[in-house]
């Protein structure tokens, strides 16, 4: 679909981000997800790895863009297997508070009928499945802590806050790129 390998995000990324300065800043933790094309495994890039190609890989939708090379390996959007990946927040951050801003619709009023609508809905379902799986795991761990089966002093309890507005997706009829 993109024989000339034109990526309009690349120009924006180059103009908006100073990667060297971002890598040096230690006041925030950043985790970007990408899907390794050959293995299908999730790759987490931390702020130390932040570069133009890493950011582009984390947003690479294969129907629009060619796979992005990072250190000799090829990646697509991380949403295929981790959207978002919560485990770096558990193991590499002190706070138990997590705020997730949901950018894809969970439900749609209209039954998809065209090829484009079906592909778009498939992407929404796929990307949300990862989030749902993570939330179920967090809920399960919380119930184990509450029941005393896990030691609350040795297990990190997370407090997840979800910001979403399904009405916006219906009104705008937003499509996942």
N, C-alpha and C. Protein backbone atom coordinates (compact mmCIF):
# COMPACT_ATOMS: atom_id res chain seq x y z
N UNK A 1 0.81 -1.20 0.00
CA UNK A 1 0.00 0.00 0.00
C UNK A 1 0.86 1.27 0.00
N UNK A 2 2.14 1.13 0.28
CA UNK A 2 3.01 2.29 0.38
C UNK A 2 4.34 1.95 -0.31
N UNK A 3 4.33 1.80 -1.64
CA UNK A 3 5.53 1.32 -2.35
C UNK A 3 6.73 2.24 -2.24
N UNK A 4 6.51 3.53 -2.03
CA UNK A 4 7.62 4.47 -1.93
C UNK A 4 8.12 4.63 -0.50
N UNK A 5 7.50 3.91 0.45
CA UNK A 5 7.89 3.96 1.85
C UNK A 5 7.88 5.39 2.39
N UNK A 6 6.82 6.10 2.12
CA UNK A 6 6.66 7.47 2.61
C UNK A 6 5.97 7.41 3.96
N UNK A 7 6.58 8.01 4.96
CA UNK A 7 6.02 8.03 6.29
C UNK A 7 5.88 9.49 6.73
N UNK A 8 4.66 10.05 6.67
CA UNK A 8 4.48 11.45 7.05
C UNK A 8 4.78 11.72 8.52
N UNK A 9 4.74 10.70 9.34
CA UNK A 9 5.07 10.90 10.75
C UNK A 9 6.55 11.23 10.94
N UNK A 10 7.38 10.74 10.03
CA UNK A 10 8.82 10.94 10.18
C UNK A 10 9.19 12.42 10.22
N UNK A 11 8.60 13.21 9.35
CA UNK A 11 8.89 14.65 9.33
C UNK A 11 8.43 15.31 10.63
N UNK A 12 7.25 14.93 11.11
CA UNK A 12 6.75 15.47 12.37
C UNK A 12 7.64 15.09 13.54
N UNK A 13 8.03 13.85 13.59
CA UNK A 13 8.89 13.36 14.67
C UNK A 13 10.21 14.12 14.67
N UNK A 14 10.79 14.31 13.50
CA UNK A 14 12.07 15.03 13.41
C UNK A 14 11.93 16.48 13.87
N UNK A 15 10.79 17.11 13.56
CA UNK A 15 10.62 18.52 13.91
C UNK A 15 10.19 18.75 15.35
N UNK A 16 9.56 17.78 16.00
CA UNK A 16 9.01 17.98 17.33
C UNK A 16 9.88 17.46 18.47
N UNK A 17 10.74 16.49 18.21
CA UNK A 17 11.45 15.83 19.31
C UNK A 17 12.95 16.04 19.23
N UNK A 18 13.54 16.33 20.38
CA UNK A 18 14.99 16.38 20.53
C UNK A 18 15.39 15.16 21.35
N UNK A 19 15.67 14.07 20.66
CA UNK A 19 15.85 12.78 21.30
C UNK A 19 17.02 12.75 22.27
N UNK A 20 18.11 13.42 21.94
CA UNK A 20 19.25 13.42 22.85
C UNK A 20 18.88 14.07 24.18
N UNK A 21 18.17 15.19 24.13
CA UNK A 21 17.75 15.86 25.36
C UNK A 21 16.76 15.00 26.14
N UNK A 22 15.85 14.35 25.45
CA UNK A 22 14.88 13.49 26.13
C UNK A 22 15.56 12.31 26.82
N UNK A 23 16.56 11.73 26.17
CA UNK A 23 17.27 10.60 26.78
C UNK A 23 18.03 11.02 28.03
N UNK A 24 18.50 12.26 28.07
CA UNK A 24 19.27 12.74 29.21
C UNK A 24 18.38 13.11 30.40
N UNK A 25 17.12 13.40 30.16
CA UNK A 25 16.22 13.82 31.22
C UNK A 25 15.83 12.61 32.07
N UNK A 26 16.04 12.71 33.36
CA UNK A 26 15.77 11.58 34.26
C UNK A 26 14.52 11.80 35.12
N UNK A 27 13.77 12.86 34.86
CA UNK A 27 12.61 13.19 35.68
C UNK A 27 11.35 12.42 35.33
N UNK A 28 11.39 11.62 34.28
CA UNK A 28 10.20 10.88 33.87
C UNK A 28 10.64 9.53 33.31
N UNK A 29 9.77 8.55 33.48
CA UNK A 29 10.03 7.25 32.87
C UNK A 29 9.11 7.11 31.68
N UNK A 30 9.66 6.61 30.61
CA UNK A 30 8.90 6.47 29.37
C UNK A 30 9.11 5.06 28.84
N UNK A 31 8.02 4.42 28.42
CA UNK A 31 8.09 3.09 27.84
C UNK A 31 7.30 3.07 26.56
N UNK A 32 7.94 2.70 25.47
CA UNK A 32 7.27 2.56 24.18
C UNK A 32 7.25 1.09 23.80
N UNK A 33 6.13 0.66 23.26
CA UNK A 33 5.97 -0.74 22.86
C UNK A 33 6.07 -0.87 21.35
N UNK A 34 6.66 -1.95 20.92
CA UNK A 34 6.67 -2.29 19.50
C UNK A 34 6.54 -3.81 19.39
N UNK A 35 6.00 -4.25 18.27
CA UNK A 35 5.82 -5.67 18.02
C UNK A 35 6.91 -6.15 17.07
N UNK A 36 7.71 -7.10 17.52
CA UNK A 36 8.76 -7.66 16.69
C UNK A 36 8.09 -8.45 15.56
N UNK A 37 8.34 -8.07 14.32
CA UNK A 37 7.61 -8.63 13.18
C UNK A 37 7.83 -10.14 13.06
N UNK A 38 9.06 -10.60 13.16
CA UNK A 38 9.34 -12.02 12.93
C UNK A 38 8.81 -12.92 14.04
N UNK A 39 8.90 -12.48 15.31
CA UNK A 39 8.51 -13.35 16.42
C UNK A 39 7.13 -13.04 16.98
N UNK A 40 6.62 -11.83 16.73
CA UNK A 40 5.34 -11.42 17.30
C UNK A 40 5.45 -11.05 18.77
N UNK A 41 6.65 -10.99 19.30
CA UNK A 41 6.85 -10.66 20.72
C UNK A 41 6.87 -9.16 20.94
N UNK A 42 6.48 -8.79 22.15
CA UNK A 42 6.48 -7.39 22.56
C UNK A 42 7.90 -6.95 22.90
N UNK A 43 8.27 -5.79 22.43
CA UNK A 43 9.56 -5.19 22.78
C UNK A 43 9.26 -3.87 23.48
N UNK A 44 9.81 -3.70 24.67
CA UNK A 44 9.65 -2.46 25.41
C UNK A 44 10.92 -1.65 25.26
N UNK A 45 10.77 -0.42 24.81
CA UNK A 45 11.89 0.50 24.71
C UNK A 45 11.73 1.54 25.82
N UNK A 46 12.76 1.71 26.64
CA UNK A 46 12.72 2.72 27.68
C UNK A 46 13.31 4.02 27.14
N UNK A 47 13.31 5.04 27.96
CA UNK A 47 13.75 6.36 27.51
C UNK A 47 15.21 6.34 27.04
N UNK A 48 16.01 5.44 27.59
CA UNK A 48 17.42 5.34 27.17
C UNK A 48 17.54 4.91 25.71
N UNK A 49 16.53 4.22 25.20
CA UNK A 49 16.54 3.73 23.82
C UNK A 49 15.81 4.66 22.85
N UNK A 50 15.27 5.76 23.36
CA UNK A 50 14.42 6.64 22.56
C UNK A 50 15.20 7.30 21.43
N UNK A 51 14.78 6.98 20.23
CA UNK A 51 15.32 7.57 19.01
C UNK A 51 14.18 7.68 18.01
N UNK A 52 14.44 8.35 16.91
CA UNK A 52 13.41 8.54 15.89
C UNK A 52 12.82 7.22 15.42
N UNK A 53 13.68 6.25 15.10
CA UNK A 53 13.16 4.98 14.57
C UNK A 53 12.37 4.19 15.62
N UNK A 54 12.70 4.32 16.89
CA UNK A 54 11.96 3.64 17.95
C UNK A 54 10.55 4.22 18.06
N UNK A 55 10.45 5.54 18.03
CA UNK A 55 9.13 6.18 18.09
C UNK A 55 8.29 5.81 16.87
N UNK A 56 8.91 5.80 15.70
CA UNK A 56 8.19 5.42 14.48
C UNK A 56 7.77 3.95 14.51
N UNK A 57 8.62 3.09 15.07
CA UNK A 57 8.28 1.67 15.16
C UNK A 57 7.06 1.48 16.06
N UNK A 58 6.98 2.24 17.14
CA UNK A 58 5.87 2.08 18.09
C UNK A 58 4.54 2.52 17.50
N UNK A 59 4.57 3.20 16.37
CA UNK A 59 3.34 3.68 15.73
C UNK A 59 3.21 3.16 14.30
N UNK A 60 3.91 2.09 13.98
CA UNK A 60 3.95 1.58 12.61
C UNK A 60 2.81 0.61 12.33
N UNK A 61 1.82 1.08 11.60
CA UNK A 61 0.72 0.21 11.18
C UNK A 61 1.08 -0.40 9.83
N UNK A 62 1.14 -1.73 9.75
CA UNK A 62 1.69 -2.38 8.56
C UNK A 62 0.89 -2.17 7.28
N UNK A 63 -0.36 -1.79 7.37
CA UNK A 63 -1.12 -1.52 6.16
C UNK A 63 -0.79 -0.14 5.57
N UNK A 64 -0.14 0.70 6.40
CA UNK A 64 0.20 2.05 5.94
C UNK A 64 1.70 2.26 5.75
N UNK A 65 2.50 1.61 6.60
CA UNK A 65 3.94 1.87 6.60
C UNK A 65 4.73 0.57 6.52
N UNK A 66 5.93 0.69 6.00
CA UNK A 66 6.85 -0.45 6.02
C UNK A 66 7.30 -0.67 7.46
N UNK A 67 7.67 -1.89 7.79
CA UNK A 67 8.22 -2.18 9.12
C UNK A 67 9.43 -1.28 9.36
N UNK A 68 9.62 -0.88 10.61
CA UNK A 68 10.70 0.03 10.97
C UNK A 68 11.84 -0.76 11.58
N UNK A 69 13.05 -0.50 11.10
CA UNK A 69 14.23 -1.20 11.59
C UNK A 69 14.79 -0.50 12.82
N UNK A 70 15.04 -1.29 13.86
CA UNK A 70 15.70 -0.81 15.08
C UNK A 70 16.77 -1.85 15.41
N UNK A 71 18.01 -1.44 15.36
CA UNK A 71 19.14 -2.33 15.67
C UNK A 71 19.10 -3.63 14.88
N UNK A 72 18.79 -3.55 13.60
CA UNK A 72 18.79 -4.72 12.73
C UNK A 72 17.56 -5.61 12.82
N UNK A 73 16.58 -5.23 13.64
CA UNK A 73 15.34 -5.99 13.79
C UNK A 73 14.18 -5.11 13.31
N UNK A 74 13.09 -5.74 12.89
CA UNK A 74 11.97 -5.00 12.32
C UNK A 74 10.75 -5.05 13.23
N UNK A 75 10.08 -3.88 13.33
CA UNK A 75 8.98 -3.73 14.26
C UNK A 75 7.77 -3.06 13.62
N UNK A 76 6.61 -3.42 14.19
CA UNK A 76 5.33 -2.76 13.90
C UNK A 76 4.81 -2.17 15.21
N UNK A 77 3.68 -1.52 15.13
CA UNK A 77 3.02 -0.91 16.28
C UNK A 77 2.93 -1.89 17.45
N UNK A 78 3.21 -1.40 18.64
CA UNK A 78 3.14 -2.25 19.83
C UNK A 78 1.74 -2.65 20.23
N UNK A 79 0.73 -1.97 19.69
CA UNK A 79 -0.65 -2.26 20.04
C UNK A 79 -1.10 -3.65 19.68
N UNK A 80 -0.39 -4.32 18.82
CA UNK A 80 -0.78 -5.67 18.44
C UNK A 80 -0.61 -6.65 19.61
N UNK A 81 0.35 -6.40 20.49
CA UNK A 81 0.59 -7.33 21.59
C UNK A 81 0.65 -6.67 22.97
N UNK A 82 0.70 -5.36 23.03
CA UNK A 82 0.73 -4.67 24.32
C UNK A 82 0.28 -3.24 24.16
N UNK A 83 -0.94 -2.96 24.55
CA UNK A 83 -1.50 -1.64 24.28
C UNK A 83 -2.32 -1.14 25.46
N UNK A 84 -1.74 -0.56 26.45
CA UNK A 84 -0.30 -0.39 26.70
C UNK A 84 0.24 -1.60 27.45
N UNK A 85 1.53 -1.73 27.46
CA UNK A 85 2.15 -2.77 28.28
C UNK A 85 2.26 -2.21 29.69
N UNK A 86 1.62 -2.85 30.63
CA UNK A 86 1.56 -2.35 32.00
C UNK A 86 2.74 -2.84 32.83
N UNK A 87 3.31 -3.99 32.49
CA UNK A 87 4.32 -4.56 33.38
C UNK A 87 5.55 -3.68 33.63
N UNK A 88 6.01 -2.84 32.69
CA UNK A 88 7.12 -1.95 33.06
C UNK A 88 6.72 -0.97 34.17
N UNK A 89 5.43 -0.61 34.21
CA UNK A 89 4.96 0.30 35.25
C UNK A 89 4.94 -0.40 36.61
N UNK A 90 4.75 -1.70 36.61
CA UNK A 90 4.73 -2.46 37.85
C UNK A 90 6.16 -2.63 38.38
N UNK A 91 7.06 -3.02 37.51
CA UNK A 91 8.40 -3.40 37.95
C UNK A 91 9.42 -2.26 37.94
N UNK A 92 9.17 -1.21 37.21
CA UNK A 92 10.18 -0.17 37.08
C UNK A 92 9.73 1.20 37.60
N UNK A 93 8.55 1.26 38.19
CA UNK A 93 8.04 2.52 38.75
C UNK A 93 7.58 2.29 40.18
N UNK A 94 7.74 3.31 41.01
CA UNK A 94 7.36 3.19 42.41
C UNK A 94 5.87 3.42 42.64
N UNK A 95 5.26 4.29 41.89
CA UNK A 95 3.87 4.64 42.14
C UNK A 95 2.92 3.49 41.81
N UNK A 96 1.88 3.33 42.61
CA UNK A 96 0.86 2.33 42.28
C UNK A 96 -0.25 2.90 41.40
N UNK A 97 -0.18 4.19 41.12
CA UNK A 97 -1.23 4.86 40.34
C UNK A 97 -0.89 4.82 38.85
N UNK A 98 -1.84 4.34 38.06
CA UNK A 98 -1.66 4.29 36.62
C UNK A 98 -2.87 4.96 35.98
N UNK A 99 -2.59 5.90 35.08
CA UNK A 99 -3.66 6.56 34.33
C UNK A 99 -3.55 6.12 32.88
N UNK A 100 -4.63 5.57 32.36
CA UNK A 100 -4.67 5.13 30.97
C UNK A 100 -5.69 5.99 30.23
N UNK A 101 -5.26 6.57 29.13
CA UNK A 101 -6.16 7.32 28.26
C UNK A 101 -6.44 6.42 27.07
N UNK A 102 -7.68 5.96 26.99
CA UNK A 102 -8.05 5.02 25.93
C UNK A 102 -8.33 5.78 24.64
N UNK A 103 -7.64 5.37 23.58
CA UNK A 103 -7.73 6.08 22.30
C UNK A 103 -8.47 5.30 21.22
N UNK A 104 -8.94 4.12 21.56
CA UNK A 104 -9.70 3.33 20.58
C UNK A 104 -11.04 2.93 21.20
N UNK A 105 -12.05 2.89 20.37
CA UNK A 105 -13.40 2.56 20.84
C UNK A 105 -13.48 1.11 21.28
N UNK A 106 -14.21 0.89 22.38
CA UNK A 106 -14.48 -0.48 22.82
C UNK A 106 -15.65 -1.05 22.04
N UNK A 107 -16.62 -0.22 21.75
CA UNK A 107 -17.81 -0.69 21.05
C UNK A 107 -18.14 0.27 19.92
N UNK A 108 -18.91 -0.22 18.99
CA UNK A 108 -19.37 0.59 17.86
C UNK A 108 -20.87 0.36 17.69
N UNK A 109 -21.59 1.41 17.39
CA UNK A 109 -23.03 1.30 17.17
C UNK A 109 -23.34 0.65 15.82
N UNK A 110 -22.48 0.91 14.86
CA UNK A 110 -22.73 0.47 13.49
C UNK A 110 -21.99 -0.84 13.20
N UNK A 111 -22.68 -1.75 12.57
CA UNK A 111 -22.04 -2.99 12.13
C UNK A 111 -21.15 -2.68 10.93
N UNK A 112 -19.85 -3.02 11.00
CA UNK A 112 -18.97 -2.73 9.86
C UNK A 112 -19.38 -3.56 8.65
N UNK A 113 -19.43 -2.89 7.49
CA UNK A 113 -19.89 -3.58 6.27
C UNK A 113 -18.86 -3.53 5.15
N UNK A 114 -18.13 -2.45 5.05
CA UNK A 114 -17.14 -2.34 3.98
C UNK A 114 -15.82 -2.94 4.44
N UNK A 115 -14.94 -3.20 3.51
CA UNK A 115 -13.62 -3.75 3.85
C UNK A 115 -12.87 -2.82 4.80
N UNK A 116 -12.93 -1.53 4.53
CA UNK A 116 -12.24 -0.55 5.39
C UNK A 116 -12.83 -0.55 6.79
N UNK A 117 -14.16 -0.57 6.90
CA UNK A 117 -14.81 -0.58 8.21
C UNK A 117 -14.46 -1.85 8.99
N UNK A 118 -14.40 -2.97 8.30
CA UNK A 118 -14.07 -4.24 8.95
C UNK A 118 -12.63 -4.23 9.44
N UNK A 119 -11.71 -3.74 8.62
CA UNK A 119 -10.30 -3.65 9.01
C UNK A 119 -10.16 -2.71 10.21
N UNK A 120 -10.84 -1.57 10.16
CA UNK A 120 -10.77 -0.61 11.26
C UNK A 120 -11.29 -1.23 12.56
N UNK A 121 -12.42 -1.92 12.48
CA UNK A 121 -13.00 -2.53 13.68
C UNK A 121 -12.10 -3.65 14.20
N UNK A 122 -11.51 -4.41 13.29
CA UNK A 122 -10.57 -5.46 13.69
C UNK A 122 -9.40 -4.86 14.47
N UNK A 123 -8.87 -3.73 14.00
CA UNK A 123 -7.77 -3.06 14.70
C UNK A 123 -8.22 -2.60 16.09
N UNK A 124 -9.41 -2.04 16.19
CA UNK A 124 -9.92 -1.60 17.49
C UNK A 124 -10.01 -2.78 18.46
N UNK A 125 -10.57 -3.88 18.00
CA UNK A 125 -10.73 -5.06 18.85
C UNK A 125 -9.36 -5.61 19.26
N UNK A 126 -8.45 -5.72 18.32
CA UNK A 126 -7.11 -6.24 18.59
C UNK A 126 -6.38 -5.36 19.60
N UNK A 127 -6.40 -4.06 19.36
CA UNK A 127 -5.68 -3.16 20.25
C UNK A 127 -6.30 -3.15 21.64
N UNK A 128 -7.63 -3.21 21.75
CA UNK A 128 -8.28 -3.21 23.05
C UNK A 128 -8.12 -4.53 23.79
N UNK A 129 -7.96 -5.63 23.07
CA UNK A 129 -7.83 -6.94 23.71
C UNK A 129 -6.62 -6.96 24.65
N UNK A 130 -5.55 -6.32 24.26
CA UNK A 130 -4.36 -6.27 25.11
C UNK A 130 -4.66 -5.53 26.41
N UNK A 131 -5.35 -4.41 26.30
CA UNK A 131 -5.70 -3.62 27.48
C UNK A 131 -6.64 -4.42 28.39
N UNK A 132 -7.63 -5.05 27.82
CA UNK A 132 -8.58 -5.84 28.61
C UNK A 132 -7.85 -6.97 29.35
N UNK A 133 -6.93 -7.64 28.67
CA UNK A 133 -6.16 -8.72 29.29
C UNK A 133 -5.34 -8.20 30.47
N UNK A 134 -4.69 -7.06 30.30
CA UNK A 134 -3.90 -6.47 31.38
C UNK A 134 -4.80 -6.09 32.57
N UNK A 135 -5.96 -5.50 32.29
CA UNK A 135 -6.87 -5.09 33.36
C UNK A 135 -7.42 -6.30 34.13
N UNK A 136 -7.70 -7.36 33.43
CA UNK A 136 -8.16 -8.59 34.10
C UNK A 136 -7.08 -9.15 35.01
N UNK A 137 -5.85 -9.12 34.57
CA UNK A 137 -4.75 -9.62 35.40
C UNK A 137 -4.58 -8.76 36.65
N UNK A 138 -4.65 -7.46 36.49
CA UNK A 138 -4.52 -6.55 37.63
C UNK A 138 -5.67 -6.78 38.62
N UNK A 139 -6.87 -6.95 38.09
CA UNK A 139 -8.03 -7.22 38.94
C UNK A 139 -7.85 -8.54 39.70
N UNK A 140 -7.37 -9.55 39.03
CA UNK A 140 -7.15 -10.86 39.65
C UNK A 140 -6.14 -10.75 40.79
N UNK A 141 -5.04 -10.08 40.56
CA UNK A 141 -4.02 -9.90 41.60
C UNK A 141 -4.61 -9.12 42.78
N UNK A 142 -5.40 -8.09 42.50
CA UNK A 142 -6.02 -7.32 43.57
C UNK A 142 -6.94 -8.19 44.42
N UNK A 143 -7.71 -9.08 43.79
CA UNK A 143 -8.59 -9.98 44.54
C UNK A 143 -7.79 -10.97 45.39
N UNK A 144 -6.65 -11.43 44.85
CA UNK A 144 -5.80 -12.32 45.64
C UNK A 144 -5.23 -11.60 46.86
N UNK A 145 -4.87 -10.35 46.71
CA UNK A 145 -4.37 -9.55 47.84
C UNK A 145 -5.50 -9.38 48.86
N UNK A 146 -6.69 -9.00 48.38
CA UNK A 146 -7.83 -8.77 49.27
C UNK A 146 -8.22 -10.03 50.05
N UNK A 147 -8.09 -11.18 49.43
CA UNK A 147 -8.47 -12.44 50.09
C UNK A 147 -7.36 -12.98 50.99
N UNK A 148 -6.20 -12.35 50.98
CA UNK A 148 -5.10 -12.78 51.82
C UNK A 148 -4.25 -13.88 51.20
N UNK A 149 -4.55 -14.28 50.00
CA UNK A 149 -3.75 -15.33 49.34
C UNK A 149 -2.40 -14.81 48.87
N UNK A 150 -2.29 -13.51 48.67
CA UNK A 150 -1.01 -12.87 48.37
C UNK A 150 -0.71 -11.87 49.47
N UNK A 151 0.54 -11.81 49.86
CA UNK A 151 0.97 -10.90 50.92
C UNK A 151 0.95 -9.47 50.39
N UNK A 152 0.12 -8.63 50.98
CA UNK A 152 -0.01 -7.23 50.55
C UNK A 152 1.28 -6.45 50.73
N UNK A 153 2.15 -6.90 51.64
CA UNK A 153 3.43 -6.23 51.85
C UNK A 153 4.48 -6.60 50.81
N UNK A 154 4.23 -7.71 50.11
CA UNK A 154 5.20 -8.17 49.12
C UNK A 154 4.68 -8.05 47.69
N UNK A 155 3.42 -7.68 47.54
CA UNK A 155 2.81 -7.60 46.21
C UNK A 155 2.33 -6.18 45.98
N UNK A 156 2.68 -5.64 44.85
CA UNK A 156 2.30 -4.27 44.52
C UNK A 156 0.85 -4.21 44.06
N UNK A 157 0.06 -3.42 44.76
CA UNK A 157 -1.34 -3.20 44.37
C UNK A 157 -1.37 -1.97 43.46
N UNK A 158 -2.01 -2.14 42.33
CA UNK A 158 -2.13 -1.03 41.38
C UNK A 158 -3.52 -0.41 41.46
N UNK A 159 -3.56 0.88 41.24
CA UNK A 159 -4.82 1.62 41.16
C UNK A 159 -4.87 2.20 39.74
N UNK A 160 -5.72 1.61 38.94
CA UNK A 160 -5.79 1.99 37.53
C UNK A 160 -6.97 2.93 37.32
N UNK A 161 -6.67 4.04 36.65
CA UNK A 161 -7.69 5.04 36.34
C UNK A 161 -7.79 5.11 34.82
N UNK A 162 -8.96 4.92 34.31
CA UNK A 162 -9.18 4.89 32.87
C UNK A 162 -9.94 6.13 32.43
N UNK A 163 -9.36 6.84 31.49
CA UNK A 163 -10.03 8.00 30.89
C UNK A 163 -10.46 7.59 29.50
N UNK A 164 -11.77 7.62 29.28
CA UNK A 164 -12.29 7.28 27.96
C UNK A 164 -13.63 7.94 27.77
N UNK A 165 -14.02 8.08 26.53
CA UNK A 165 -15.31 8.67 26.21
C UNK A 165 -15.82 8.01 24.94
N UNK A 166 -16.62 6.98 25.10
CA UNK A 166 -17.14 6.23 23.95
C UNK A 166 -17.99 7.12 23.04
N UNK A 167 -18.66 8.12 23.62
CA UNK A 167 -19.50 9.01 22.81
C UNK A 167 -18.67 9.75 21.77
N UNK A 168 -17.44 10.10 22.13
CA UNK A 168 -16.57 10.81 21.18
C UNK A 168 -16.29 9.92 19.98
N UNK A 169 -16.02 8.65 20.22
CA UNK A 169 -15.75 7.74 19.11
C UNK A 169 -16.97 7.59 18.22
N UNK A 170 -18.16 7.57 18.79
CA UNK A 170 -19.39 7.41 18.00
C UNK A 170 -19.68 8.68 17.21
N UNK A 171 -19.52 9.83 17.84
CA UNK A 171 -19.83 11.10 17.18
C UNK A 171 -18.84 11.37 16.05
N UNK A 172 -17.57 11.20 16.34
CA UNK A 172 -16.55 11.48 15.33
C UNK A 172 -16.41 10.33 14.34
N UNK A 173 -16.94 9.17 14.71
CA UNK A 173 -16.75 7.97 13.90
C UNK A 173 -15.26 7.79 13.60
N UNK A 174 -14.46 7.92 14.70
CA UNK A 174 -13.01 7.85 14.59
C UNK A 174 -12.55 6.51 14.07
N UNK A 175 -11.51 6.55 13.30
CA UNK A 175 -10.89 5.33 12.79
C UNK A 175 -9.48 5.24 13.33
N UNK A 176 -9.10 4.04 13.71
CA UNK A 176 -7.71 3.80 14.08
C UNK A 176 -6.93 3.76 12.79
N UNK A 177 -5.84 4.54 12.74
CA UNK A 177 -5.04 4.55 11.51
C UNK A 177 -4.44 3.20 11.25
